C-alpha atoms as a PDB file:
ATOM      1  CA  UNK A   1     139.701 143.756  88.407  1.00  0.00           C
ATOM      2  CA  UNK A   2     136.892 143.495  90.711  1.00  0.00           C
ATOM      3  CA  UNK A   3     136.766 146.144  93.193  1.00  0.00           C
ATOM      4  CA  UNK A   4     134.136 147.303  95.878  1.00  0.00           C
ATOM      5  CA  UNK A   5     133.845 150.933  97.128  1.00  0.00           C
ATOM      6  CA  UNK A   6     131.858 151.800 100.505  1.00  0.00           C
ATOM      7  CA  UNK A   7     130.362 154.855 101.741  1.00  0.00           C
ATOM      8  CA  UNK A   8     128.277 156.537 103.555  1.00  0.00           C
ATOM      9  CA  UNK A   9     129.949 155.580 106.956  1.00  0.00           C
ATOM     10  CA  UNK A  10     130.409 158.918 109.454  1.00  0.00           C
ATOM     11  CA  UNK A  11     129.454 159.759 113.070  1.00  0.00           C
ATOM     12  CA  UNK A  12     126.282 159.545 113.971  1.00  0.00           C
ATOM     13  CA  UNK A  13     124.260 160.546 117.759  1.00  0.00           C
ATOM     14  CA  UNK A  14     122.585 157.400 119.242  1.00  0.00           C
ATOM     15  CA  UNK A  15     118.856 156.488 117.364  1.00  0.00           C
ATOM     16  CA  UNK A  16     119.829 158.212 114.084  1.00  0.00           C
ATOM     17  CA  UNK A  17     120.318 156.636 110.808  1.00  0.00           C
ATOM     18  CA  UNK A  18     122.654 155.990 108.110  1.00  0.00           C
ATOM     19  CA  UNK A  19     122.775 154.509 104.857  1.00  0.00           C
ATOM     20  CA  UNK A  20     126.401 152.848 103.414  1.00  0.00           C
ATOM     21  CA  UNK A  21     126.730 152.195  99.333  1.00  0.00           C
ATOM     22  CA  UNK A  22     128.805 150.053  98.450  1.00  0.00           C
ATOM     23  CA  UNK A  23     129.860 150.385  94.335  1.00  0.00           C
ATOM     24  CA  UNK A  24     130.678 147.373  92.245  1.00  0.00           C
ATOM     25  CA  UNK A  25     132.878 147.217  89.298  1.00  0.00           C
ATOM     26  CA  UNK A  26     134.857 144.577  87.001  1.00  0.00           C
ATOM     27  CA  UNK A  27     132.605 141.861  87.487  1.00  0.00           C
ATOM     28  CA  UNK A  28     129.093 140.939  86.759  1.00  0.00           C
ATOM     29  CA  UNK A  29     127.206 142.797  89.629  1.00  0.00           C
ATOM     30  CA  UNK A  30     123.662 141.024  88.948  1.00  0.00           C
ATOM     31  CA  UNK A  31     124.849 137.672  89.102  1.00  0.00           C
ATOM     32  CA  UNK A  32     126.836 137.728  93.144  1.00  0.00           C
ATOM     33  CA  UNK A  33     124.961 137.661  96.142  1.00  0.00           C
ATOM     34  CA  UNK A  34     125.843 140.396  98.221  1.00  0.00           C
ATOM     35  CA  UNK A  35     126.205 140.983 102.120  1.00  0.00           C
ATOM     36  CA  UNK A  36     127.473 143.562 104.275  1.00  0.00           C
ATOM     37  CA  UNK A  37     129.335 142.744 107.776  1.00  0.00           C
ATOM     38  CA  UNK A  38     130.849 144.862 110.498  1.00  0.00           C
ATOM     39  CA  UNK A  39     133.650 144.442 112.410  1.00  0.00           C
ATOM     40  CA  UNK A  40     133.530 146.107 116.083  1.00  0.00           C
ATOM     41  CA  UNK A  41     137.014 146.840 117.908  1.00  0.00           C
ATOM     42  CA  UNK A  42     138.473 144.182 119.686  1.00  0.00           C
ATOM     43  CA  UNK A  43     135.666 141.344 117.962  1.00  0.00           C
ATOM     44  CA  UNK A  44     135.762 139.260 115.142  1.00  0.00           C
ATOM     45  CA  UNK A  45     133.795 140.289 111.569  1.00  0.00           C
ATOM     46  CA  UNK A  46     130.087 139.126 111.914  1.00  0.00           C
ATOM     47  CA  UNK A  47     127.611 139.369 109.356  1.00  0.00           C
ATOM     48  CA  UNK A  48     124.827 141.681 109.252  1.00  0.00           C
ATOM     49  CA  UNK A  49     123.210 141.269 106.043  1.00  0.00           C
ATOM     50  CA  UNK A  50     122.627 139.055 102.988  1.00  0.00           C
ATOM     51  CA  UNK A  51     120.845 140.023  99.348  1.00  0.00           C
ATOM     52  CA  UNK A  52     120.305 136.942  96.997  1.00  0.00           C
ATOM     53  CA  UNK A  53     121.871 137.635  93.234  1.00  0.00           C
ATOM     54  CA  UNK A  54     118.106 135.380  92.154  1.00  0.00           C
ATOM     55  CA  UNK A  55     114.830 136.608  93.559  1.00  0.00           C
ATOM     56  CA  UNK A  56     116.427 139.550  95.877  1.00  0.00           C
ATOM     57  CA  UNK A  57     115.712 137.610  98.629  1.00  0.00           C
ATOM     58  CA  UNK A  58     117.156 138.879 102.100  1.00  0.00           C
ATOM     59  CA  UNK A  59     118.479 137.526 105.178  1.00  0.00           C
ATOM     60  CA  UNK A  60     119.325 139.364 108.432  1.00  0.00           C
ATOM     61  CA  UNK A  61     120.909 137.276 111.901  1.00  0.00           C
ATOM     62  CA  UNK A  62     118.807 137.758 114.497  1.00  0.00           C
ATOM     63  CA  UNK A  63     120.256 140.363 116.087  1.00  0.00           C
ATOM     64  CA  UNK A  64     119.980 142.485 113.409  1.00  0.00           C
ATOM     65  CA  UNK A  65     116.756 142.286 112.022  1.00  0.00           C
ATOM     66  CA  UNK A  66     114.575 144.987 112.407  1.00  0.00           C
ATOM     67  CA  UNK A  67     116.511 148.135 112.194  1.00  0.00           C
ATOM     68  CA  UNK A  68     118.687 147.307 109.231  1.00  0.00           C
ATOM     69  CA  UNK A  69     117.524 147.208 105.246  1.00  0.00           C
ATOM     70  CA  UNK A  70     119.645 145.616 103.008  1.00  0.00           C
ATOM     71  CA  UNK A  71     118.586 146.241  99.021  1.00  0.00           C
ATOM     72  CA  UNK A  72     120.518 146.321  95.779  1.00  0.00           C
ATOM     73  CA  UNK A  73     120.342 147.955  92.257  1.00  0.00           C
ATOM     74  CA  UNK A  74     121.840 146.345  89.700  1.00  0.00           C
ATOM     75  CA  UNK A  75     121.619 148.898  87.198  1.00  0.00           C
ATOM     76  CA  UNK A  76     123.642 150.967  88.982  1.00  0.00           C
ATOM     77  CA  UNK A  77     126.153 147.976  90.180  1.00  0.00           C
ATOM     78  CA  UNK A  78     125.257 149.172  94.024  1.00  0.00           C
ATOM     79  CA  UNK A  79     124.156 147.406  97.026  1.00  0.00           C
ATOM     80  CA  UNK A  80     122.565 149.190 100.579  1.00  0.00           C
ATOM     81  CA  UNK A  81     122.493 149.136 104.109  1.00  0.00           C
ATOM     82  CA  UNK A  82     119.964 151.436 105.514  1.00  0.00           C
ATOM     83  CA  UNK A  83     120.418 151.408 109.235  1.00  0.00           C
ATOM     84  CA  UNK A  84     118.158 153.254 111.642  1.00  0.00           C
ATOM     85  CA  UNK A  85     117.963 153.162 115.097  1.00  0.00           C
ATOM     86  CA  UNK A  86     121.106 153.260 115.441  1.00  0.00           C
ATOM     87  CA  UNK A  87     123.210 152.282 118.944  1.00  0.00           C
ATOM     88  CA  UNK A  88     126.761 152.720 120.043  1.00  0.00           C
ATOM     89  CA  UNK A  89     126.526 148.875 119.971  1.00  0.00           C
ATOM     90  CA  UNK A  90     126.582 149.402 115.743  1.00  0.00           C
ATOM     91  CA  UNK A  91     129.939 151.012 115.757  1.00  0.00           C
ATOM     92  CA  UNK A  92     132.348 149.516 113.978  1.00  0.00           C
ATOM     93  CA  UNK A  93     133.476 148.876 110.076  1.00  0.00           C
ATOM     94  CA  UNK A  94     131.444 147.802 107.898  1.00  0.00           C
ATOM     95  CA  UNK A  95     132.560 145.487 104.878  1.00  0.00           C
ATOM     96  CA  UNK A  96     130.742 144.945 102.032  1.00  0.00           C
ATOM     97  CA  UNK A  97     130.989 141.308 100.499  1.00  0.00           C
ATOM     98  CA  UNK A  98     130.377 139.785  96.725  1.00  0.00           C
ATOM     99  CA  UNK A  99     129.855 136.155  96.582  1.00  0.00           C
ATOM    100  CA  UNK A 100     129.690 133.828  93.210  1.00  0.00           C
ATOM    101  CA  UNK A 101     129.430 129.970  94.882  1.00  0.00           C
ATOM    102  CA  UNK A 102     129.044 128.383  91.435  1.00  0.00           C
ATOM    103  CA  UNK A 103     132.372 130.544  89.999  1.00  0.00           C
ATOM    104  CA  UNK A 104     134.542 130.116  93.636  1.00  0.00           C
ATOM    105  CA  UNK A 105     134.497 134.124  93.498  1.00  0.00           C
ATOM    106  CA  UNK A 106     134.705 136.465  96.263  1.00  0.00           C
ATOM    107  CA  UNK A 107     135.681 140.440  97.231  1.00  0.00           C
ATOM    108  CA  UNK A 108     135.370 142.356 100.023  1.00  0.00           C
ATOM    109  CA  UNK A 109     135.575 146.080 100.131  1.00  0.00           C
ATOM    110  CA  UNK A 110     138.267 148.069 102.412  1.00  0.00           C
ATOM    111  CA  UNK A 111     135.067 148.693 104.890  1.00  0.00           C
ATOM    112  CA  UNK A 112     133.672 152.165 106.029  1.00  0.00           C
ATOM    113  CA  UNK A 113     133.880 153.264 109.267  1.00  0.00           C
ATOM    114  CA  UNK A 114     130.318 154.152 111.822  1.00  0.00           C
ATOM    115  CA  UNK A 115     130.279 155.478 114.941  1.00  0.00           C
ATOM    116  CA  UNK A 116     127.506 156.161 117.303  1.00  0.00           C
ATOM    117  CA  UNK A 117     128.106 158.182 119.456  1.00  0.00           C
ATOM    118  CA  UNK A 118     126.358 161.111 121.400  1.00  0.00           C
END
């Protein structure tokens, strides 16, 4: 049974940093593109970052570039999101996503809450 479990969320002051982790199990992690999404209160879920299964290439929407870094450790079946210089607008629930387009499979984690506030 495929499972994604996020951790590392919490309350952080503006300008602070946070690292989220997403531990995967039940599927071949290394063959899946991994992404982080964010859903702010009252808004739709939006893409934060993607890291590809092949080559480890990363992509970020223009609005996310510069402060967020996605990485993966295939030996640990884990994907990370390093977030720096956090702003109140970064508040939301952060979700981990795994996609294998060849197999037409996708999985979501349950999300972890991040609150940026003084």
